Amino acid sequence: MPPSPLSAPLTRHLRITGRVQGVGYRWNMAREAQRLGLAGWVRNRGDGSVEALAHGAAPAVQALIDWARRGPELARVDGVAVSDATWQDGDGPAFEQRETL
């Protein structure tokens, strides 16, 4: 029997803009993603945005997207662009912070 749509793994790419660097955004997102049981990564971008890839159960991915729209206390989120993404085997089983791209 195939998994239900709610339990099937989902992968989303996020691009967050606003005052999201230098305010603990990556650290807090990684902590929230780990709490939700997600795999993936988050990193700063050279243009001042934050980029993330989240993979896991659809409700948990949506919860992280909802969190991304708020961010940590010191952040000011102007926008979150969400797109479908493909999970690569090399992306790893945990959620991690990556170096700036």
N, C-alpha and C. Protein backbone atom coordinates (compact mmCIF):
# COMPACT_ATOMS: atom_id res chain seq x y z
N MET A 1 0.85 -1.18 0.00
CA MET A 1 0.00 0.00 0.00
C MET A 1 0.89 1.25 0.00
N PRO A 2 0.69 2.20 -0.93
CA PRO A 2 1.53 3.40 -0.97
C PRO A 2 1.24 4.29 0.23
N PRO A 3 2.23 5.10 0.63
CA PRO A 3 2.00 6.00 1.77
C PRO A 3 0.94 7.05 1.42
N SER A 4 0.24 7.50 2.43
CA SER A 4 -0.76 8.54 2.20
C SER A 4 -0.04 9.85 1.89
N PRO A 5 -0.71 10.80 1.22
CA PRO A 5 -0.07 12.08 0.89
C PRO A 5 0.43 12.83 2.12
N LEU A 6 -0.23 12.63 3.27
CA LEU A 6 0.22 13.34 4.47
C LEU A 6 1.48 12.74 5.07
N SER A 7 1.72 11.44 4.83
CA SER A 7 2.91 10.82 5.42
C SER A 7 4.06 10.69 4.43
N ALA A 8 3.80 10.91 3.13
CA ALA A 8 4.86 10.83 2.13
C ALA A 8 5.84 11.98 2.34
N PRO A 9 7.14 11.70 2.23
CA PRO A 9 8.12 12.77 2.38
C PRO A 9 7.94 13.86 1.33
N LEU A 10 8.19 15.07 1.74
CA LEU A 10 8.03 16.25 0.90
C LEU A 10 9.32 17.05 0.98
N THR A 11 9.75 17.65 -0.12
CA THR A 11 10.95 18.48 -0.12
C THR A 11 10.60 19.85 -0.68
N ARG A 12 10.99 20.90 0.05
CA ARG A 12 10.73 22.28 -0.37
C ARG A 12 12.01 23.10 -0.23
N HIS A 13 12.20 23.99 -1.20
CA HIS A 13 13.29 24.96 -1.18
C HIS A 13 12.70 26.29 -0.72
N LEU A 14 13.37 26.96 0.22
CA LEU A 14 12.91 28.24 0.74
C LEU A 14 13.97 29.30 0.49
N ARG A 15 13.54 30.50 0.14
CA ARG A 15 14.42 31.66 0.03
C ARG A 15 13.79 32.75 0.86
N ILE A 16 14.46 33.15 1.95
CA ILE A 16 13.91 34.09 2.91
C ILE A 16 14.64 35.42 2.77
N THR A 17 13.88 36.51 2.66
CA THR A 17 14.47 37.84 2.52
C THR A 17 14.02 38.73 3.67
N GLY A 18 14.78 39.78 3.89
CA GLY A 18 14.52 40.73 4.97
C GLY A 18 15.78 40.88 5.80
N ARG A 19 15.61 41.22 7.07
CA ARG A 19 16.77 41.26 7.98
C ARG A 19 16.88 39.87 8.59
N VAL A 20 17.58 38.98 7.87
CA VAL A 20 17.63 37.58 8.26
C VAL A 20 19.06 37.06 8.44
N GLN A 21 20.04 37.95 8.30
CA GLN A 21 21.42 37.55 8.59
C GLN A 21 21.92 38.36 9.79
N GLY A 22 22.72 37.71 10.61
CA GLY A 22 23.25 38.38 11.80
C GLY A 22 22.26 38.46 12.94
N VAL A 23 21.17 37.71 12.87
CA VAL A 23 20.14 37.75 13.91
C VAL A 23 19.83 36.35 14.45
N GLY A 24 20.67 35.36 14.13
CA GLY A 24 20.47 34.00 14.62
C GLY A 24 19.44 33.22 13.83
N TYR A 25 19.13 33.67 12.63
CA TYR A 25 18.09 33.02 11.83
C TYR A 25 18.46 31.57 11.51
N ARG A 26 19.69 31.35 10.98
CA ARG A 26 20.09 29.99 10.61
C ARG A 26 20.08 29.05 11.81
N TRP A 27 20.65 29.49 12.91
CA TRP A 27 20.73 28.64 14.11
C TRP A 27 19.33 28.28 14.59
N ASN A 28 18.46 29.27 14.65
CA ASN A 28 17.09 29.02 15.12
C ASN A 28 16.30 28.15 14.15
N MET A 29 16.51 28.34 12.84
CA MET A 29 15.81 27.50 11.88
C MET A 29 16.28 26.06 12.00
N ALA A 30 17.57 25.85 12.13
CA ALA A 30 18.10 24.49 12.28
C ALA A 30 17.53 23.84 13.52
N ARG A 31 17.44 24.58 14.61
CA ARG A 31 16.88 24.03 15.85
C ARG A 31 15.41 23.66 15.68
N GLU A 32 14.65 24.53 15.01
CA GLU A 32 13.23 24.25 14.79
C GLU A 32 13.05 23.05 13.86
N ALA A 33 13.85 22.97 12.80
CA ALA A 33 13.76 21.84 11.87
C ALA A 33 14.10 20.53 12.58
N GLN A 34 15.11 20.55 13.44
CA GLN A 34 15.47 19.34 14.19
C GLN A 34 14.34 18.95 15.13
N ARG A 35 13.72 19.92 15.76
CA ARG A 35 12.58 19.66 16.66
C ARG A 35 11.43 19.01 15.88
N LEU A 36 11.25 19.42 14.63
CA LEU A 36 10.18 18.88 13.79
C LEU A 36 10.55 17.56 13.13
N GLY A 37 11.80 17.12 13.28
CA GLY A 37 12.24 15.86 12.71
C GLY A 37 12.56 15.92 11.22
N LEU A 38 12.93 17.10 10.74
CA LEU A 38 13.22 17.28 9.33
C LEU A 38 14.69 17.09 9.01
N ALA A 39 14.97 16.72 7.78
CA ALA A 39 16.33 16.71 7.24
C ALA A 39 16.46 17.92 6.33
N GLY A 40 17.71 18.27 6.00
CA GLY A 40 17.92 19.39 5.09
C GLY A 40 19.05 20.28 5.56
N TRP A 41 18.99 21.53 5.12
CA TRP A 41 20.05 22.47 5.45
C TRP A 41 19.56 23.91 5.33
N VAL A 42 20.33 24.81 5.91
CA VAL A 42 20.07 26.24 5.83
C VAL A 42 21.41 26.95 5.69
N ARG A 43 21.44 28.03 4.89
CA ARG A 43 22.68 28.80 4.73
C ARG A 43 22.36 30.24 4.35
N ASN A 44 23.30 31.12 4.69
CA ASN A 44 23.22 32.50 4.25
C ASN A 44 23.62 32.57 2.79
N ARG A 45 23.09 33.56 2.08
CA ARG A 45 23.48 33.83 0.70
C ARG A 45 24.21 35.18 0.67
N GLY A 46 25.06 35.32 -0.29
CA GLY A 46 25.85 36.55 -0.42
C GLY A 46 25.00 37.79 -0.63
N ASP A 47 23.77 37.64 -1.09
CA ASP A 47 22.89 38.79 -1.33
C ASP A 47 22.12 39.22 -0.08
N GLY A 48 22.38 38.60 1.06
CA GLY A 48 21.71 38.97 2.31
C GLY A 48 20.50 38.12 2.65
N SER A 49 20.12 37.21 1.76
CA SER A 49 18.99 36.33 2.03
C SER A 49 19.47 35.05 2.71
N VAL A 50 18.51 34.23 3.12
CA VAL A 50 18.80 32.92 3.68
C VAL A 50 18.11 31.90 2.78
N GLU A 51 18.78 30.78 2.54
CA GLU A 51 18.26 29.72 1.68
C GLU A 51 18.19 28.44 2.51
N ALA A 52 17.14 27.65 2.29
CA ALA A 52 17.00 26.40 3.03
C ALA A 52 16.37 25.34 2.15
N LEU A 53 16.66 24.09 2.49
CA LEU A 53 16.04 22.93 1.87
C LEU A 53 15.50 22.08 3.02
N ALA A 54 14.20 21.81 3.00
CA ALA A 54 13.57 21.04 4.07
C ALA A 54 12.94 19.78 3.49
N HIS A 55 13.18 18.64 4.17
CA HIS A 55 12.69 17.35 3.69
C HIS A 55 12.13 16.57 4.86
N GLY A 56 10.90 16.08 4.68
CA GLY A 56 10.28 15.26 5.73
C GLY A 56 8.79 15.17 5.51
N ALA A 57 8.08 14.82 6.57
CA ALA A 57 6.62 14.70 6.51
C ALA A 57 6.00 16.05 6.16
N ALA A 58 4.98 16.02 5.30
CA ALA A 58 4.36 17.25 4.82
C ALA A 58 3.93 18.21 5.95
N PRO A 59 3.29 17.73 7.03
CA PRO A 59 2.90 18.67 8.08
C PRO A 59 4.11 19.35 8.75
N ALA A 60 5.20 18.61 8.90
CA ALA A 60 6.40 19.18 9.52
C ALA A 60 7.06 20.20 8.59
N VAL A 61 7.10 19.90 7.29
CA VAL A 61 7.66 20.86 6.33
C VAL A 61 6.82 22.13 6.35
N GLN A 62 5.50 22.00 6.36
CA GLN A 62 4.64 23.18 6.40
C GLN A 62 4.84 23.97 7.69
N ALA A 63 5.03 23.27 8.80
CA ALA A 63 5.28 23.96 10.07
C ALA A 63 6.57 24.77 10.01
N LEU A 64 7.60 24.24 9.34
CA LEU A 64 8.85 24.99 9.20
C LEU A 64 8.66 26.20 8.28
N ILE A 65 7.89 26.04 7.23
CA ILE A 65 7.59 27.18 6.35
C ILE A 65 6.86 28.27 7.12
N ASP A 66 5.90 27.88 7.94
CA ASP A 66 5.18 28.84 8.78
C ASP A 66 6.14 29.54 9.73
N TRP A 67 7.06 28.78 10.34
CA TRP A 67 8.05 29.37 11.23
C TRP A 67 8.94 30.35 10.46
N ALA A 68 9.34 29.97 9.23
CA ALA A 68 10.23 30.82 8.42
C ALA A 68 9.61 32.18 8.16
N ARG A 69 8.31 32.25 8.06
CA ARG A 69 7.63 33.53 7.81
C ARG A 69 7.69 34.46 9.02
N ARG A 70 7.91 33.89 10.20
CA ARG A 70 8.05 34.69 11.43
C ARG A 70 9.52 34.90 11.77
N GLY A 71 10.29 33.80 11.76
CA GLY A 71 11.70 33.84 12.12
C GLY A 71 11.91 34.06 13.59
N PRO A 72 13.18 34.19 14.00
CA PRO A 72 13.47 34.45 15.41
C PRO A 72 13.15 35.90 15.77
N GLU A 73 13.20 36.18 17.04
CA GLU A 73 12.78 37.48 17.58
C GLU A 73 13.43 38.68 16.91
N LEU A 74 14.73 38.63 16.64
CA LEU A 74 15.44 39.79 16.10
C LEU A 74 15.33 39.94 14.58
N ALA A 75 14.76 38.96 13.92
CA ALA A 75 14.65 39.00 12.46
C ALA A 75 13.45 39.84 12.02
N ARG A 76 13.54 40.32 10.78
CA ARG A 76 12.39 40.93 10.11
C ARG A 76 12.26 40.23 8.76
N VAL A 77 11.27 39.40 8.63
CA VAL A 77 11.09 38.63 7.41
C VAL A 77 10.19 39.42 6.46
N ASP A 78 10.73 39.74 5.28
CA ASP A 78 9.96 40.46 4.26
C ASP A 78 9.26 39.49 3.31
N GLY A 79 9.87 38.33 3.08
CA GLY A 79 9.26 37.38 2.17
C GLY A 79 9.86 36.00 2.28
N VAL A 80 9.06 34.99 1.96
CA VAL A 80 9.53 33.60 1.90
C VAL A 80 9.03 33.03 0.58
N ALA A 81 9.95 32.76 -0.33
CA ALA A 81 9.61 32.11 -1.60
C ALA A 81 9.78 30.61 -1.40
N VAL A 82 8.74 29.85 -1.70
CA VAL A 82 8.76 28.40 -1.50
C VAL A 82 8.57 27.74 -2.86
N SER A 83 9.41 26.75 -3.14
CA SER A 83 9.28 26.00 -4.40
C SER A 83 9.52 24.52 -4.15
N ASP A 84 8.97 23.70 -5.03
CA ASP A 84 9.23 22.26 -4.97
C ASP A 84 10.71 22.01 -5.20
N ALA A 85 11.21 20.95 -4.60
CA ALA A 85 12.63 20.60 -4.75
C ALA A 85 12.76 19.09 -4.76
N THR A 86 13.91 18.64 -5.18
CA THR A 86 14.21 17.21 -5.21
C THR A 86 15.23 16.91 -4.13
N TRP A 87 14.97 15.88 -3.36
CA TRP A 87 15.90 15.45 -2.31
C TRP A 87 17.01 14.62 -2.94
N GLN A 88 18.25 14.99 -2.69
CA GLN A 88 19.41 14.25 -3.20
C GLN A 88 19.95 13.35 -2.10
N ASP A 89 20.41 12.17 -2.47
CA ASP A 89 20.94 11.23 -1.47
C ASP A 89 22.05 11.85 -0.63
N GLY A 90 22.86 12.71 -1.20
CA GLY A 90 23.97 13.32 -0.47
C GLY A 90 23.58 14.43 0.46
N ASP A 91 22.28 14.78 0.51
CA ASP A 91 21.86 15.88 1.37
C ASP A 91 21.88 15.53 2.85
N GLY A 92 21.93 14.25 3.20
CA GLY A 92 22.12 13.85 4.59
C GLY A 92 20.83 13.63 5.35
N PRO A 93 20.93 12.91 6.48
CA PRO A 93 19.75 12.53 7.25
C PRO A 93 19.32 13.54 8.30
N ALA A 94 20.12 14.57 8.53
CA ALA A 94 19.81 15.55 9.58
C ALA A 94 19.66 16.93 8.97
N PHE A 95 19.29 17.89 9.77
CA PHE A 95 19.19 19.29 9.32
C PHE A 95 20.41 20.02 9.84
N GLU A 96 21.12 20.69 8.93
CA GLU A 96 22.40 21.30 9.30
C GLU A 96 22.50 22.73 8.78
N GLN A 97 23.40 23.49 9.40
CA GLN A 97 23.77 24.80 8.91
C GLN A 97 24.94 24.63 7.94
N ARG A 98 24.88 25.33 6.83
CA ARG A 98 25.95 25.27 5.84
C ARG A 98 26.62 26.63 5.71
N GLU A 99 27.78 26.61 5.09
CA GLU A 99 28.54 27.84 4.85
C GLU A 99 27.78 28.74 3.88
N THR A 100 28.06 30.02 3.95
CA THR A 100 27.46 31.01 3.06
C THR A 100 27.82 30.71 1.61
N LEU A 101 26.86 30.87 0.73
CA LEU A 101 27.09 30.67 -0.70
C LEU A 101 27.14 32.00 -1.40
